[in-house]
PDB file of N, CA and C in Angstrom:
ATOM      1  N   UNK A   1       1.286   1.820  16.274  1.00  0.00           N
ATOM      2  CA  UNK A   1       0.715   1.386  15.005  1.00  0.00           C
ATOM      3  C   UNK A   1       1.758   1.518  13.912  1.00  0.00           C
ATOM      4  N   UNK A   2       1.727   0.591  12.976  1.00  0.00           N
ATOM      5  CA  UNK A   2       2.590   0.613  11.802  1.00  0.00           C
ATOM      6  C   UNK A   2       1.743   0.962  10.579  1.00  0.00           C
ATOM      7  N   UNK A   3       2.252   1.847   9.757  1.00  0.00           N
ATOM      8  CA  UNK A   3       1.562   2.247   8.528  1.00  0.00           C
ATOM      9  C   UNK A   3       2.382   1.793   7.334  1.00  0.00           C
ATOM     10  N   UNK A   4       1.956   0.700   6.701  1.00  0.00           N
ATOM     11  CA  UNK A   4       2.620   0.222   5.489  1.00  0.00           C
ATOM     12  C   UNK A   4       2.131   1.063   4.320  1.00  0.00           C
ATOM     13  N   UNK A   5       3.075   1.627   3.576  1.00  0.00           N
ATOM     14  CA  UNK A   5       2.732   2.539   2.481  1.00  0.00           C
ATOM     15  C   UNK A   5       3.263   1.976   1.166  1.00  0.00           C
ATOM     16  N   UNK A   6       2.348   1.809   0.225  1.00  0.00           N
ATOM     17  CA  UNK A   6       2.697   1.372  -1.131  1.00  0.00           C
ATOM     18  C   UNK A   6       2.347   2.502  -2.088  1.00  0.00           C
ATOM     19  N   UNK A   7       3.328   2.950  -2.843  1.00  0.00           N
ATOM     20  CA  UNK A   7       3.076   3.917  -3.906  1.00  0.00           C
ATOM     21  C   UNK A   7       3.208   3.145  -5.204  1.00  0.00           C
ATOM     22  N   UNK A   8       2.123   3.104  -5.950  1.00  0.00           N
ATOM     23  CA  UNK A   8       2.120   2.327  -7.182  1.00  0.00           C
ATOM     24  C   UNK A   8       2.095   3.245  -8.401  1.00  0.00           C
ATOM     25  N   UNK A   9       2.769   2.788  -9.450  1.00  0.00           N
ATOM     26  CA  UNK A   9       2.818   3.530 -10.703  1.00  0.00           C
ATOM     27  C   UNK A   9       3.143   2.520 -11.800  1.00  0.00           C
ATOM     28  N   UNK A  10       2.121   2.097 -12.514  1.00  0.00           N
ATOM     29  CA  UNK A  10       2.278   1.065 -13.539  1.00  0.00           C
ATOM     30  C   UNK A  10       2.919  -0.184 -12.902  1.00  0.00           C
ATOM     31  N   UNK A  11       2.296  -0.704 -11.879  1.00  0.00           N
ATOM     32  CA  UNK A  11       2.871  -1.772 -11.051  1.00  0.00           C
ATOM     33  C   UNK A  11       2.200  -3.131 -11.230  1.00  0.00           C
ATOM     34  N   UNK A  12       1.532  -3.347 -12.331  1.00  0.00           N
ATOM     35  CA  UNK A  12       0.756  -4.577 -12.497  1.00  0.00           C
ATOM     36  C   UNK A  12       1.593  -5.853 -12.434  1.00  0.00           C
ATOM     37  N   UNK A  13       2.876  -5.766 -12.751  1.00  0.00           N
ATOM     38  CA  UNK A  13       3.705  -6.971 -12.782  1.00  0.00           C
ATOM     39  C   UNK A  13       4.024  -7.540 -11.409  1.00  0.00           C
ATOM     40  N   UNK A  14       3.858  -6.750 -10.360  1.00  0.00           N
ATOM     41  CA  UNK A  14       4.228  -7.246  -9.037  1.00  0.00           C
ATOM     42  C   UNK A  14       3.257  -6.897  -7.925  1.00  0.00           C
ATOM     43  N   UNK A  15       2.251  -6.084  -8.170  1.00  0.00           N
ATOM     44  CA  UNK A  15       1.352  -5.655  -7.097  1.00  0.00           C
ATOM     45  C   UNK A  15       0.542  -6.810  -6.517  1.00  0.00           C
ATOM     46  N   UNK A  16       0.125  -7.727  -7.344  1.00  0.00           N
ATOM     47  CA  UNK A  16      -0.683  -8.848  -6.863  1.00  0.00           C
ATOM     48  C   UNK A  16       0.087  -9.697  -5.849  1.00  0.00           C
ATOM     49  N   UNK A  17       1.301 -10.090  -6.186  1.00  0.00           N
ATOM     50  CA  UNK A  17       2.083 -10.917  -5.255  1.00  0.00           C
ATOM     51  C   UNK A  17       2.503 -10.125  -4.023  1.00  0.00           C
ATOM     52  N   UNK A  18       2.770  -8.854  -4.187  1.00  0.00           N
ATOM     53  CA  UNK A  18       3.137  -8.023  -3.045  1.00  0.00           C
ATOM     54  C   UNK A  18       1.982  -7.921  -2.045  1.00  0.00           C
ATOM     55  N   UNK A  19       0.788  -7.670  -2.533  1.00  0.00           N
ATOM     56  CA  UNK A  19      -0.365  -7.585  -1.637  1.00  0.00           C
ATOM     57  C   UNK A  19      -0.623  -8.913  -0.930  1.00  0.00           C
ATOM     58  N   UNK A  20      -0.446  -9.997  -1.641  1.00  0.00           N
ATOM     59  CA  UNK A  20      -0.637 -11.308  -1.019  1.00  0.00           C
ATOM     60  C   UNK A  20       0.368 -11.554   0.101  1.00  0.00           C
ATOM     61  N   UNK A  21       1.547 -10.959  -0.012  1.00  0.00           N
ATOM     62  CA  UNK A  21       2.549 -11.147   1.036  1.00  0.00           C
ATOM     63  C   UNK A  21       2.265 -10.283   2.269  1.00  0.00           C
ATOM     64  N   UNK A  22       1.506  -9.237   2.113  1.00  0.00           N
ATOM     65  CA  UNK A  22       1.210  -8.320   3.224  1.00  0.00           C
ATOM     66  C   UNK A  22      -0.092  -8.676   3.937  1.00  0.00           C
ATOM     67  N   UNK A  23      -1.094  -9.079   3.183  1.00  0.00           N
ATOM     68  CA  UNK A  23      -2.441  -9.262   3.732  1.00  0.00           C
ATOM     69  C   UNK A  23      -2.632 -10.620   4.378  1.00  0.00           C
ATOM     70  N   UNK A  24      -3.501 -10.715   5.368  1.00  0.00           N
ATOM     71  CA  UNK A  24      -4.195  -9.617   6.036  1.00  0.00           C
ATOM     72  C   UNK A  24      -3.289  -8.941   7.051  1.00  0.00           C
ATOM     73  N   UNK A  25      -3.668  -7.751   7.455  1.00  0.00           N
ATOM     74  CA  UNK A  25      -2.896  -6.988   8.419  1.00  0.00           C
ATOM     75  C   UNK A  25      -3.134  -7.493   9.835  1.00  0.00           C
ATOM     76  N   UNK A  26      -2.216  -7.146  10.712  1.00  0.00           N
ATOM     77  CA  UNK A  26      -2.418  -7.383  12.136  1.00  0.00           C
ATOM     78  C   UNK A  26      -3.192  -6.197  12.704  1.00  0.00           C
ATOM     79  N   UNK A  27      -3.677  -6.327  13.926  1.00  0.00           N
ATOM     80  CA  UNK A  27      -4.537  -5.291  14.519  1.00  0.00           C
ATOM     81  C   UNK A  27      -3.867  -3.926  14.644  1.00  0.00           C
ATOM     82  N   UNK A  28      -2.557  -3.891  14.808  1.00  0.00           N
ATOM     83  CA  UNK A  28      -1.855  -2.618  15.006  1.00  0.00           C
ATOM     84  C   UNK A  28      -1.220  -2.094  13.717  1.00  0.00           C
ATOM     85  N   UNK A  29      -1.809  -2.428  12.587  1.00  0.00           N
ATOM     86  CA  UNK A  29      -1.253  -2.030  11.296  1.00  0.00           C
ATOM     87  C   UNK A  29      -2.325  -1.422  10.395  1.00  0.00           C
ATOM     88  N   UNK A  30      -1.865  -0.566   9.491  1.00  0.00           N
ATOM     89  CA  UNK A  30      -2.732  -0.052   8.436  1.00  0.00           C
ATOM     90  C   UNK A  30      -1.977  -0.136   7.126  1.00  0.00           C
ATOM     91  N   UNK A  31      -2.723  -0.184   6.035  1.00  0.00           N
ATOM     92  CA  UNK A  31      -2.139  -0.226   4.696  1.00  0.00           C
ATOM     93  C   UNK A  31      -2.666   0.969   3.913  1.00  0.00           C
ATOM     94  N   UNK A  32      -1.736   1.757   3.406  1.00  0.00           N
ATOM     95  CA  UNK A  32      -2.083   2.922   2.588  1.00  0.00           C
ATOM     96  C   UNK A  32      -1.501   2.667   1.199  1.00  0.00           C
ATOM     97  N   UNK A  33      -2.380   2.620   0.215  1.00  0.00           N
ATOM     98  CA  UNK A  33      -1.942   2.458  -1.173  1.00  0.00           C
ATOM     99  C   UNK A  33      -2.254   3.764  -1.885  1.00  0.00           C
ATOM    100  N   UNK A  34      -1.249   4.330  -2.529  1.00  0.00           N
ATOM    101  CA  UNK A  34      -1.435   5.578  -3.263  1.00  0.00           C
ATOM    102  C   UNK A  34      -0.969   5.337  -4.683  1.00  0.00           C
ATOM    103  N   UNK A  35      -1.901   5.313  -5.619  1.00  0.00           N
ATOM    104  CA  UNK A  35      -1.574   5.043  -7.014  1.00  0.00           C
ATOM    105  C   UNK A  35      -1.368   6.344  -7.781  1.00  0.00           C
ATOM    106  N   UNK A  36      -0.316   6.386  -8.584  1.00  0.00           N
ATOM    107  CA  UNK A  36       0.022   7.571  -9.368  1.00  0.00           C
ATOM    108  C   UNK A  36      -0.626   7.512 -10.753  1.00  0.00           C
ATOM    109  N   UNK A  37      -1.934   7.319 -10.765  1.00  0.00           N
ATOM    110  CA  UNK A  37      -2.728   7.290 -11.995  1.00  0.00           C
ATOM    111  C   UNK A  37      -2.205   6.256 -13.000  1.00  0.00           C
ATOM    112  N   UNK A  38      -2.040   5.028 -12.525  1.00  0.00           N
ATOM    113  CA  UNK A  38      -1.584   3.944 -13.401  1.00  0.00           C
ATOM    114  C   UNK A  38      -2.580   3.707 -14.515  1.00  0.00           C
ATOM    115  N   UNK A  39      -2.060   3.437 -15.691  1.00  0.00           N
ATOM    116  CA  UNK A  39      -2.919   3.169 -16.848  1.00  0.00           C
ATOM    117  C   UNK A  39      -2.919   1.692 -17.234  1.00  0.00           C
ATOM    118  N   UNK A  40      -2.192   0.889 -16.483  1.00  0.00           N
ATOM    119  CA  UNK A  40      -2.176  -0.548 -16.755  1.00  0.00           C
ATOM    120  C   UNK A  40      -3.215  -1.218 -15.842  1.00  0.00           C
ATOM    121  N   UNK A  41      -3.007  -2.452 -15.465  1.00  0.00           N
ATOM    122  CA  UNK A  41      -3.979  -3.170 -14.628  1.00  0.00           C
ATOM    123  C   UNK A  41      -3.685  -3.097 -13.128  1.00  0.00           C
ATOM    124  N   UNK A  42      -2.876  -2.147 -12.708  1.00  0.00           N
ATOM    125  CA  UNK A  42      -2.545  -2.022 -11.287  1.00  0.00           C
ATOM    126  C   UNK A  42      -3.792  -1.860 -10.433  1.00  0.00           C
ATOM    127  N   UNK A  43      -4.630  -0.907 -10.778  1.00  0.00           N
ATOM    128  CA  UNK A  43      -5.825  -0.630  -9.956  1.00  0.00           C
ATOM    129  C   UNK A  43      -6.771  -1.832  -9.918  1.00  0.00           C
ATOM    130  N   UNK A  44      -7.116  -2.463 -11.045  1.00  0.00           N
ATOM    131  CA  UNK A  44      -7.970  -3.655 -10.959  1.00  0.00           C
ATOM    132  C   UNK A  44      -7.364  -4.776 -10.098  1.00  0.00           C
ATOM    133  N   UNK A  45      -6.051  -4.968 -10.175  1.00  0.00           N
ATOM    134  CA  UNK A  45      -5.400  -5.981  -9.335  1.00  0.00           C
ATOM    135  C   UNK A  45      -5.549  -5.630  -7.858  1.00  0.00           C
ATOM    136  N   UNK A  46      -5.377  -4.365  -7.520  1.00  0.00           N
ATOM    137  CA  UNK A  46      -5.511  -3.938  -6.125  1.00  0.00           C
ATOM    138  C   UNK A  46      -6.927  -4.204  -5.633  1.00  0.00           C
ATOM    139  N   UNK A  47      -7.908  -3.786  -6.401  1.00  0.00           N
ATOM    140  CA  UNK A  47      -9.305  -3.984  -6.001  1.00  0.00           C
ATOM    141  C   UNK A  47      -9.610  -5.471  -5.836  1.00  0.00           C
ATOM    142  N   UNK A  48      -9.136  -6.286  -6.761  1.00  0.00           N
ATOM    143  CA  UNK A  48      -9.381  -7.728  -6.699  1.00  0.00           C
ATOM    144  C   UNK A  48      -8.721  -8.353  -5.462  1.00  0.00           C
ATOM    145  N   UNK A  49      -7.478  -8.038  -5.209  1.00  0.00           N
ATOM    146  CA  UNK A  49      -6.754  -8.641  -4.089  1.00  0.00           C
ATOM    147  C   UNK A  49      -7.280  -8.174  -2.732  1.00  0.00           C
ATOM    148  N   UNK A  50      -7.712  -6.952  -2.645  1.00  0.00           N
ATOM    149  CA  UNK A  50      -8.195  -6.430  -1.365  1.00  0.00           C
ATOM    150  C   UNK A  50      -9.536  -7.039  -0.987  1.00  0.00           C
ATOM    151  N   UNK A  51     -10.370  -7.306  -1.980  1.00  0.00           N
ATOM    152  CA  UNK A  51     -11.649  -7.954  -1.704  1.00  0.00           C
ATOM    153  C   UNK A  51     -12.454  -7.277  -0.605  1.00  0.00           C
ATOM    154  N   UNK A  52     -12.935  -8.058   0.348  1.00  0.00           N
ATOM    155  CA  UNK A  52     -13.804  -7.522   1.404  1.00  0.00           C
ATOM    156  C   UNK A  52     -13.030  -6.774   2.493  1.00  0.00           C
ATOM    157  N   UNK A  53     -11.718  -6.747   2.409  1.00  0.00           N
ATOM    158  CA  UNK A  53     -10.940  -6.022   3.416  1.00  0.00           C
ATOM    159  C   UNK A  53     -11.262  -4.532   3.422  1.00  0.00           C
ATOM    160  N   UNK A  54     -11.804  -4.016   2.300  1.00  0.00           N
ATOM    161  CA  UNK A  54     -12.148  -2.593   2.240  1.00  0.00           C
ATOM    162  C   UNK A  54     -13.164  -2.214   3.303  1.00  0.00           C
ATOM    163  N   UNK A  55     -13.982  -3.162   3.749  1.00  0.00           N
ATOM    164  CA  UNK A  55     -15.038  -2.817   4.705  1.00  0.00           C
ATOM    165  C   UNK A  55     -14.576  -2.956   6.156  1.00  0.00           C
ATOM    166  N   UNK A  56     -13.290  -2.994   6.392  1.00  0.00           N
ATOM    167  CA  UNK A  56     -12.723  -3.053   7.739  1.00  0.00           C
ATOM    168  C   UNK A  56     -13.281  -1.897   8.572  1.00  0.00           C
ATOM    169  N   UNK A  57     -13.915  -2.218   9.671  1.00  0.00           N
ATOM    170  CA  UNK A  57     -14.586  -1.197  10.496  1.00  0.00           C
ATOM    171  C   UNK A  57     -13.616  -0.210  11.127  1.00  0.00           C
ATOM    172  N   UNK A  58     -12.364  -0.601  11.259  1.00  0.00           N
ATOM    173  CA  UNK A  58     -11.369   0.295  11.850  1.00  0.00           C
ATOM    174  C   UNK A  58     -10.714   1.211  10.814  1.00  0.00           C
ATOM    175  N   UNK A  59     -11.052   1.036   9.553  1.00  0.00           N
ATOM    176  CA  UNK A  59     -10.515   1.903   8.498  1.00  0.00           C
ATOM    177  C   UNK A  59      -9.014   1.769   8.302  1.00  0.00           C
ATOM    178  N   UNK A  60      -8.506   0.553   8.430  1.00  0.00           N
ATOM    179  CA  UNK A  60      -7.064   0.338   8.330  1.00  0.00           C
ATOM    180  C   UNK A  60      -6.580   0.152   6.898  1.00  0.00           C
ATOM    181  N   UNK A  61      -7.476   0.062   5.949  1.00  0.00           N
ATOM    182  CA  UNK A  61      -7.106  -0.124   4.548  1.00  0.00           C
ATOM    183  C   UNK A  61      -7.536   1.108   3.772  1.00  0.00           C
ATOM    184  N   UNK A  62      -6.564   1.815   3.194  1.00  0.00           N
ATOM    185  CA  UNK A  62      -6.871   3.050   2.474  1.00  0.00           C
ATOM    186  C   UNK A  62      -6.278   2.969   1.068  1.00  0.00           C
ATOM    187  N   UNK A  63      -7.040   3.439   0.102  1.00  0.00           N
ATOM    188  CA  UNK A  63      -6.603   3.397  -1.294  1.00  0.00           C
ATOM    189  C   UNK A  63      -6.941   4.721  -1.953  1.00  0.00           C
ATOM    190  N   UNK A  64      -5.917   5.371  -2.483  1.00  0.00           N
ATOM    191  CA  UNK A  64      -6.076   6.655  -3.148  1.00  0.00           C
ATOM    192  C   UNK A  64      -5.532   6.550  -4.563  1.00  0.00           C
ATOM    193  N   UNK A  65      -6.174   7.254  -5.474  1.00  0.00           N
ATOM    194  CA  UNK A  65      -5.693   7.325  -6.857  1.00  0.00           C
ATOM    195  C   UNK A  65      -5.470   8.799  -7.182  1.00  0.00           C
ATOM    196  N   UNK A  66      -4.251   9.121  -7.572  1.00  0.00           N
ATOM    197  CA  UNK A  66      -3.924  10.487  -7.933  1.00  0.00           C
ATOM    198  C   UNK A  66      -4.774  10.931  -9.121  1.00  0.00           C
ATOM    199  N   UNK A  67      -5.130  12.198  -9.166  1.00  0.00           N
ATOM    200  CA  UNK A  67      -5.928  12.724 -10.273  1.00  0.00           C
ATOM    201  C   UNK A  67      -5.084  13.004 -11.509  1.00  0.00           C
ATOM    202  N   UNK A  68      -3.761  13.131 -11.306  1.00  0.00           N
ATOM    203  CA  UNK A  68      -2.858  13.361 -12.431  1.00  0.00           C
ATOM    204  C   UNK A  68      -1.508  12.758 -12.088  1.00  0.00           C
ATOM    205  N   UNK A  69      -0.725  12.450 -13.113  1.00  0.00           N
ATOM    206  CA  UNK A  69       0.639  11.945 -12.903  1.00  0.00           C
ATOM    207  C   UNK A  69       1.477  13.034 -12.252  1.00  0.00           C
ATOM    208  N   UNK A  70       2.233  12.628 -11.226  1.00  0.00           N
ATOM    209  CA  UNK A  70       3.112  13.566 -10.549  1.00  0.00           C
ATOM    210  C   UNK A  70       4.444  12.883 -10.270  1.00  0.00           C
ATOM    211  N   UNK A  71       5.410  13.677  -9.885  1.00  0.00           N
ATOM    212  CA  UNK A  71       6.694  13.145  -9.456  1.00  0.00           C
ATOM    213  C   UNK A  71       6.452  12.168  -8.313  1.00  0.00           C
ATOM    214  N   UNK A  72       7.138  11.040  -8.318  1.00  0.00           N
ATOM    215  CA  UNK A  72       6.899   9.987  -7.335  1.00  0.00           C
ATOM    216  C   UNK A  72       7.163  10.463  -5.907  1.00  0.00           C
ATOM    217  N   UNK A  73       8.066  11.404  -5.711  1.00  0.00           N
ATOM    218  CA  UNK A  73       8.328  11.944  -4.368  1.00  0.00           C
ATOM    219  C   UNK A  73       7.124  12.726  -3.840  1.00  0.00           C
ATOM    220  N   UNK A  74       6.441  13.418  -4.709  1.00  0.00           N
ATOM    221  CA  UNK A  74       5.228  14.134  -4.320  1.00  0.00           C
ATOM    222  C   UNK A  74       4.157  13.136  -3.892  1.00  0.00           C
ATOM    223  N   UNK A  75       4.022  12.063  -4.642  1.00  0.00           N
ATOM    224  CA  UNK A  75       3.036  11.028  -4.334  1.00  0.00           C
ATOM    225  C   UNK A  75       3.376  10.368  -2.995  1.00  0.00           C
ATOM    226  N   UNK A  76       4.654  10.092  -2.755  1.00  0.00           N
ATOM    227  CA  UNK A  76       5.067   9.518  -1.469  1.00  0.00           C
ATOM    228  C   UNK A  76       4.697  10.443  -0.313  1.00  0.00           C
ATOM    229  N   UNK A  77       4.928  11.725  -0.495  1.00  0.00           N
ATOM    230  CA  UNK A  77       4.596  12.680   0.563  1.00  0.00           C
ATOM    231  C   UNK A  77       3.098  12.729   0.841  1.00  0.00           C
ATOM    232  N   UNK A  78       2.299  12.599  -0.197  1.00  0.00           N
ATOM    233  CA  UNK A  78       0.849  12.544  -0.008  1.00  0.00           C
ATOM    234  C   UNK A  78       0.474  11.317   0.821  1.00  0.00           C
ATOM    235  N   UNK A  79       1.074  10.186   0.479  1.00  0.00           N
ATOM    236  CA  UNK A  79       0.796   8.950   1.212  1.00  0.00           C
ATOM    237  C   UNK A  79       1.240   9.075   2.663  1.00  0.00           C
ATOM    238  N   UNK A  80       2.402   9.636   2.888  1.00  0.00           N
ATOM    239  CA  UNK A  80       2.904   9.820   4.250  1.00  0.00           C
ATOM    240  C   UNK A  80       1.998  10.729   5.077  1.00  0.00           C
ATOM    241  N   UNK A  81       1.367  11.679   4.425  1.00  0.00           N
ATOM    242  CA  UNK A  81       0.538  12.640   5.158  1.00  0.00           C
ATOM    243  C   UNK A  81      -0.726  12.015   5.753  1.00  0.00           C
ATOM    244  N   UNK A  82      -1.148  10.866   5.270  1.00  0.00           N
ATOM    245  CA  UNK A  82      -2.355  10.222   5.815  1.00  0.00           C
ATOM    246  C   UNK A  82      -2.034   9.079   6.774  1.00  0.00           C
ATOM    247  N   UNK A  83      -0.744   8.805   6.971  1.00  0.00           N
ATOM    248  CA  UNK A  83      -0.342   7.713   7.862  1.00  0.00           C
ATOM    249  C   UNK A  83      -0.643   8.074   9.313  1.00  0.00           C
ATOM    250  N   UNK A  84      -1.237   7.122  10.036  1.00  0.00           N
ATOM    251  CA  UNK A  84      -1.543   7.326  11.449  1.00  0.00           C
ATOM    252  C   UNK A  84      -0.454   6.773  12.362  1.00  0.00           C
ATOM    253  N   UNK A  85       0.358   5.865  11.831  1.00  0.00           N
ATOM    254  CA  UNK A  85       1.384   5.219  12.650  1.00  0.00           C
ATOM    255  C   UNK A  85       2.776   5.478  12.128  1.00  0.00           C
ATOM    256  N   UNK A  86       3.708   4.629  12.543  1.00  0.00           N
ATOM    257  CA  UNK A  86       5.079   4.706  12.060  1.00  0.00           C
ATOM    258  C   UNK A  86       5.067   4.354  10.574  1.00  0.00           C
ATOM    259  N   UNK A  87       5.453   5.290   9.708  1.00  0.00           N
ATOM    260  CA  UNK A  87       5.391   5.011   8.270  1.00  0.00           C
ATOM    261  C   UNK A  87       6.491   4.065   7.816  1.00  0.00           C
ATOM    262  N   UNK A  88       6.092   3.052   7.062  1.00  0.00           N
ATOM    263  CA  UNK A  88       7.027   2.085   6.501  1.00  0.00           C
ATOM    264  C   UNK A  88       6.782   2.049   4.997  1.00  0.00           C
ATOM    265  N   UNK A  89       7.657   2.707   4.256  1.00  0.00           N
ATOM    266  CA  UNK A  89       7.531   2.738   2.795  1.00  0.00           C
ATOM    267  C   UNK A  89       8.030   1.429   2.223  1.00  0.00           C
ATOM    268  N   UNK A  90       7.215   0.822   1.400  1.00  0.00           N
ATOM    269  CA  UNK A  90       7.557  -0.447   0.780  1.00  0.00           C
ATOM    270  C   UNK A  90       7.863  -0.205  -0.684  1.00  0.00           C
ATOM    271  N   UNK A  91       9.060  -0.620  -1.094  1.00  0.00           N
ATOM    272  CA  UNK A  91       9.427  -0.524  -2.501  1.00  0.00           C
ATOM    273  C   UNK A  91       8.704  -1.661  -3.221  1.00  0.00           C
ATOM    274  N   UNK A  92       7.758  -1.307  -4.049  1.00  0.00           N
ATOM    275  CA  UNK A  92       6.907  -2.312  -4.683  1.00  0.00           C
ATOM    276  C   UNK A  92       7.640  -3.190  -5.682  1.00  0.00           C
ATOM    277  N   UNK A  93       8.851  -2.835  -6.051  1.00  0.00           N
ATOM    278  CA  UNK A  93       9.583  -3.625  -7.034  1.00  0.00           C
ATOM    279  C   UNK A  93      10.543  -4.630  -6.402  1.00  0.00           C
ATOM    280  N   UNK A  94      10.658  -4.629  -5.081  1.00  0.00           N
ATOM    281  CA  UNK A  94      11.582  -5.530  -4.418  1.00  0.00           C
ATOM    282  C   UNK A  94      10.836  -6.658  -3.722  1.00  0.00           C
ATOM    283  N   UNK A  95      11.561  -7.733  -3.444  1.00  0.00           N
ATOM    284  CA  UNK A  95      10.996  -8.824  -2.665  1.00  0.00           C
ATOM    285  C   UNK A  95      10.752  -8.313  -1.259  1.00  0.00           C
ATOM    286  N   UNK A  96       9.622  -8.666  -0.700  1.00  0.00           N
ATOM    287  CA  UNK A  96       9.213  -8.121   0.582  1.00  0.00           C
ATOM    288  C   UNK A  96       8.835  -9.246   1.532  1.00  0.00           C
ATOM    289  N   UNK A  97       9.423  -9.227   2.729  1.00  0.00           N
ATOM    290  CA  UNK A  97       9.080 -10.205   3.753  1.00  0.00           C
ATOM    291  C   UNK A  97       8.447  -9.472   4.924  1.00  0.00           C
ATOM    292  N   UNK A  98       7.141  -9.547   5.030  1.00  0.00           N
ATOM    293  CA  UNK A  98       6.403  -8.802   6.051  1.00  0.00           C
ATOM    294  C   UNK A  98       6.850  -9.167   7.466  1.00  0.00           C
ATOM    295  N   UNK A  99       7.173 -10.411   7.706  1.00  0.00           N
ATOM    296  CA  UNK A  99       7.578 -10.827   9.062  1.00  0.00           C
ATOM    297  C   UNK A  99       8.896 -10.177   9.479  1.00  0.00           C
ATOM    298  N   UNK A 100       9.826 -10.053   8.577  1.00  0.00           N
ATOM    299  CA  UNK A 100      11.095  -9.391   8.888  1.00  0.00           C
ATOM    300  C   UNK A 100      10.867  -7.922   9.223  1.00  0.00           C
ATOM    301  N   UNK A 101      10.004  -7.272   8.461  1.00  0.00           N
ATOM    302  CA  UNK A 101       9.714  -5.860   8.711  1.00  0.00           C
ATOM    303  C   UNK A 101       9.008  -5.701  10.054  1.00  0.00           C
ATOM    304  N   UNK A 102       8.057  -6.558  10.347  1.00  0.00           N
ATOM    305  CA  UNK A 102       7.354  -6.474  11.641  1.00  0.00           C
ATOM    306  C   UNK A 102       8.323  -6.606  12.802  1.00  0.00           C
ATOM    307  N   UNK A 103       9.275  -7.507  12.699  1.00  0.00           N
ATOM    308  CA  UNK A 103      10.260  -7.690  13.766  1.00  0.00           C
ATOM    309  C   UNK A 103      11.064  -6.418  14.003  1.00  0.00           C
ATOM    310  N   UNK A 104      11.387  -5.707  12.941  1.00  0.00           N
ATOM    311  CA  UNK A 104      12.178  -4.471  13.066  1.00  0.00           C
ATOM    312  C   UNK A 104      11.425  -3.370  13.808  1.00  0.00           C
ATOM    313  N   UNK A 105      10.106  -3.392  13.757  1.00  0.00           N
ATOM    314  CA  UNK A 105       9.310  -2.325  14.339  1.00  0.00           C
ATOM    315  C   UNK A 105       8.563  -2.736  15.602  1.00  0.00           C
ATOM    316  N   UNK A 106       8.793  -3.940  16.084  1.00  0.00           N
ATOM    317  CA  UNK A 106       8.139  -4.376  17.332  1.00  0.00           C
ATOM    318  C   UNK A 106       8.972  -3.991  18.532  1.00  0.00           C
TER     319      UNK A 106
END
């Protein structure tokens, strides 16, 4: 299993397009989004883009919101701790090609 991990922090400018490039997942993948208490529109964009995927019976889509702002490395470690598969940290500010990443881990 592959665990795609997104750590968001005031990421409204790119989270929507990033999620569109990842979704939907393949059967052997999970998506873990860990938000560092963003105060912009990051969380509403995530909820909107995920839509009905939240009700995935296999629980492959996980979304956490930090209760307080923390160092981004701490937030990454929290996200890594819930990963069930090979963790793949995605830099939310870079262009992302899901097919290239899948090839690297197949």
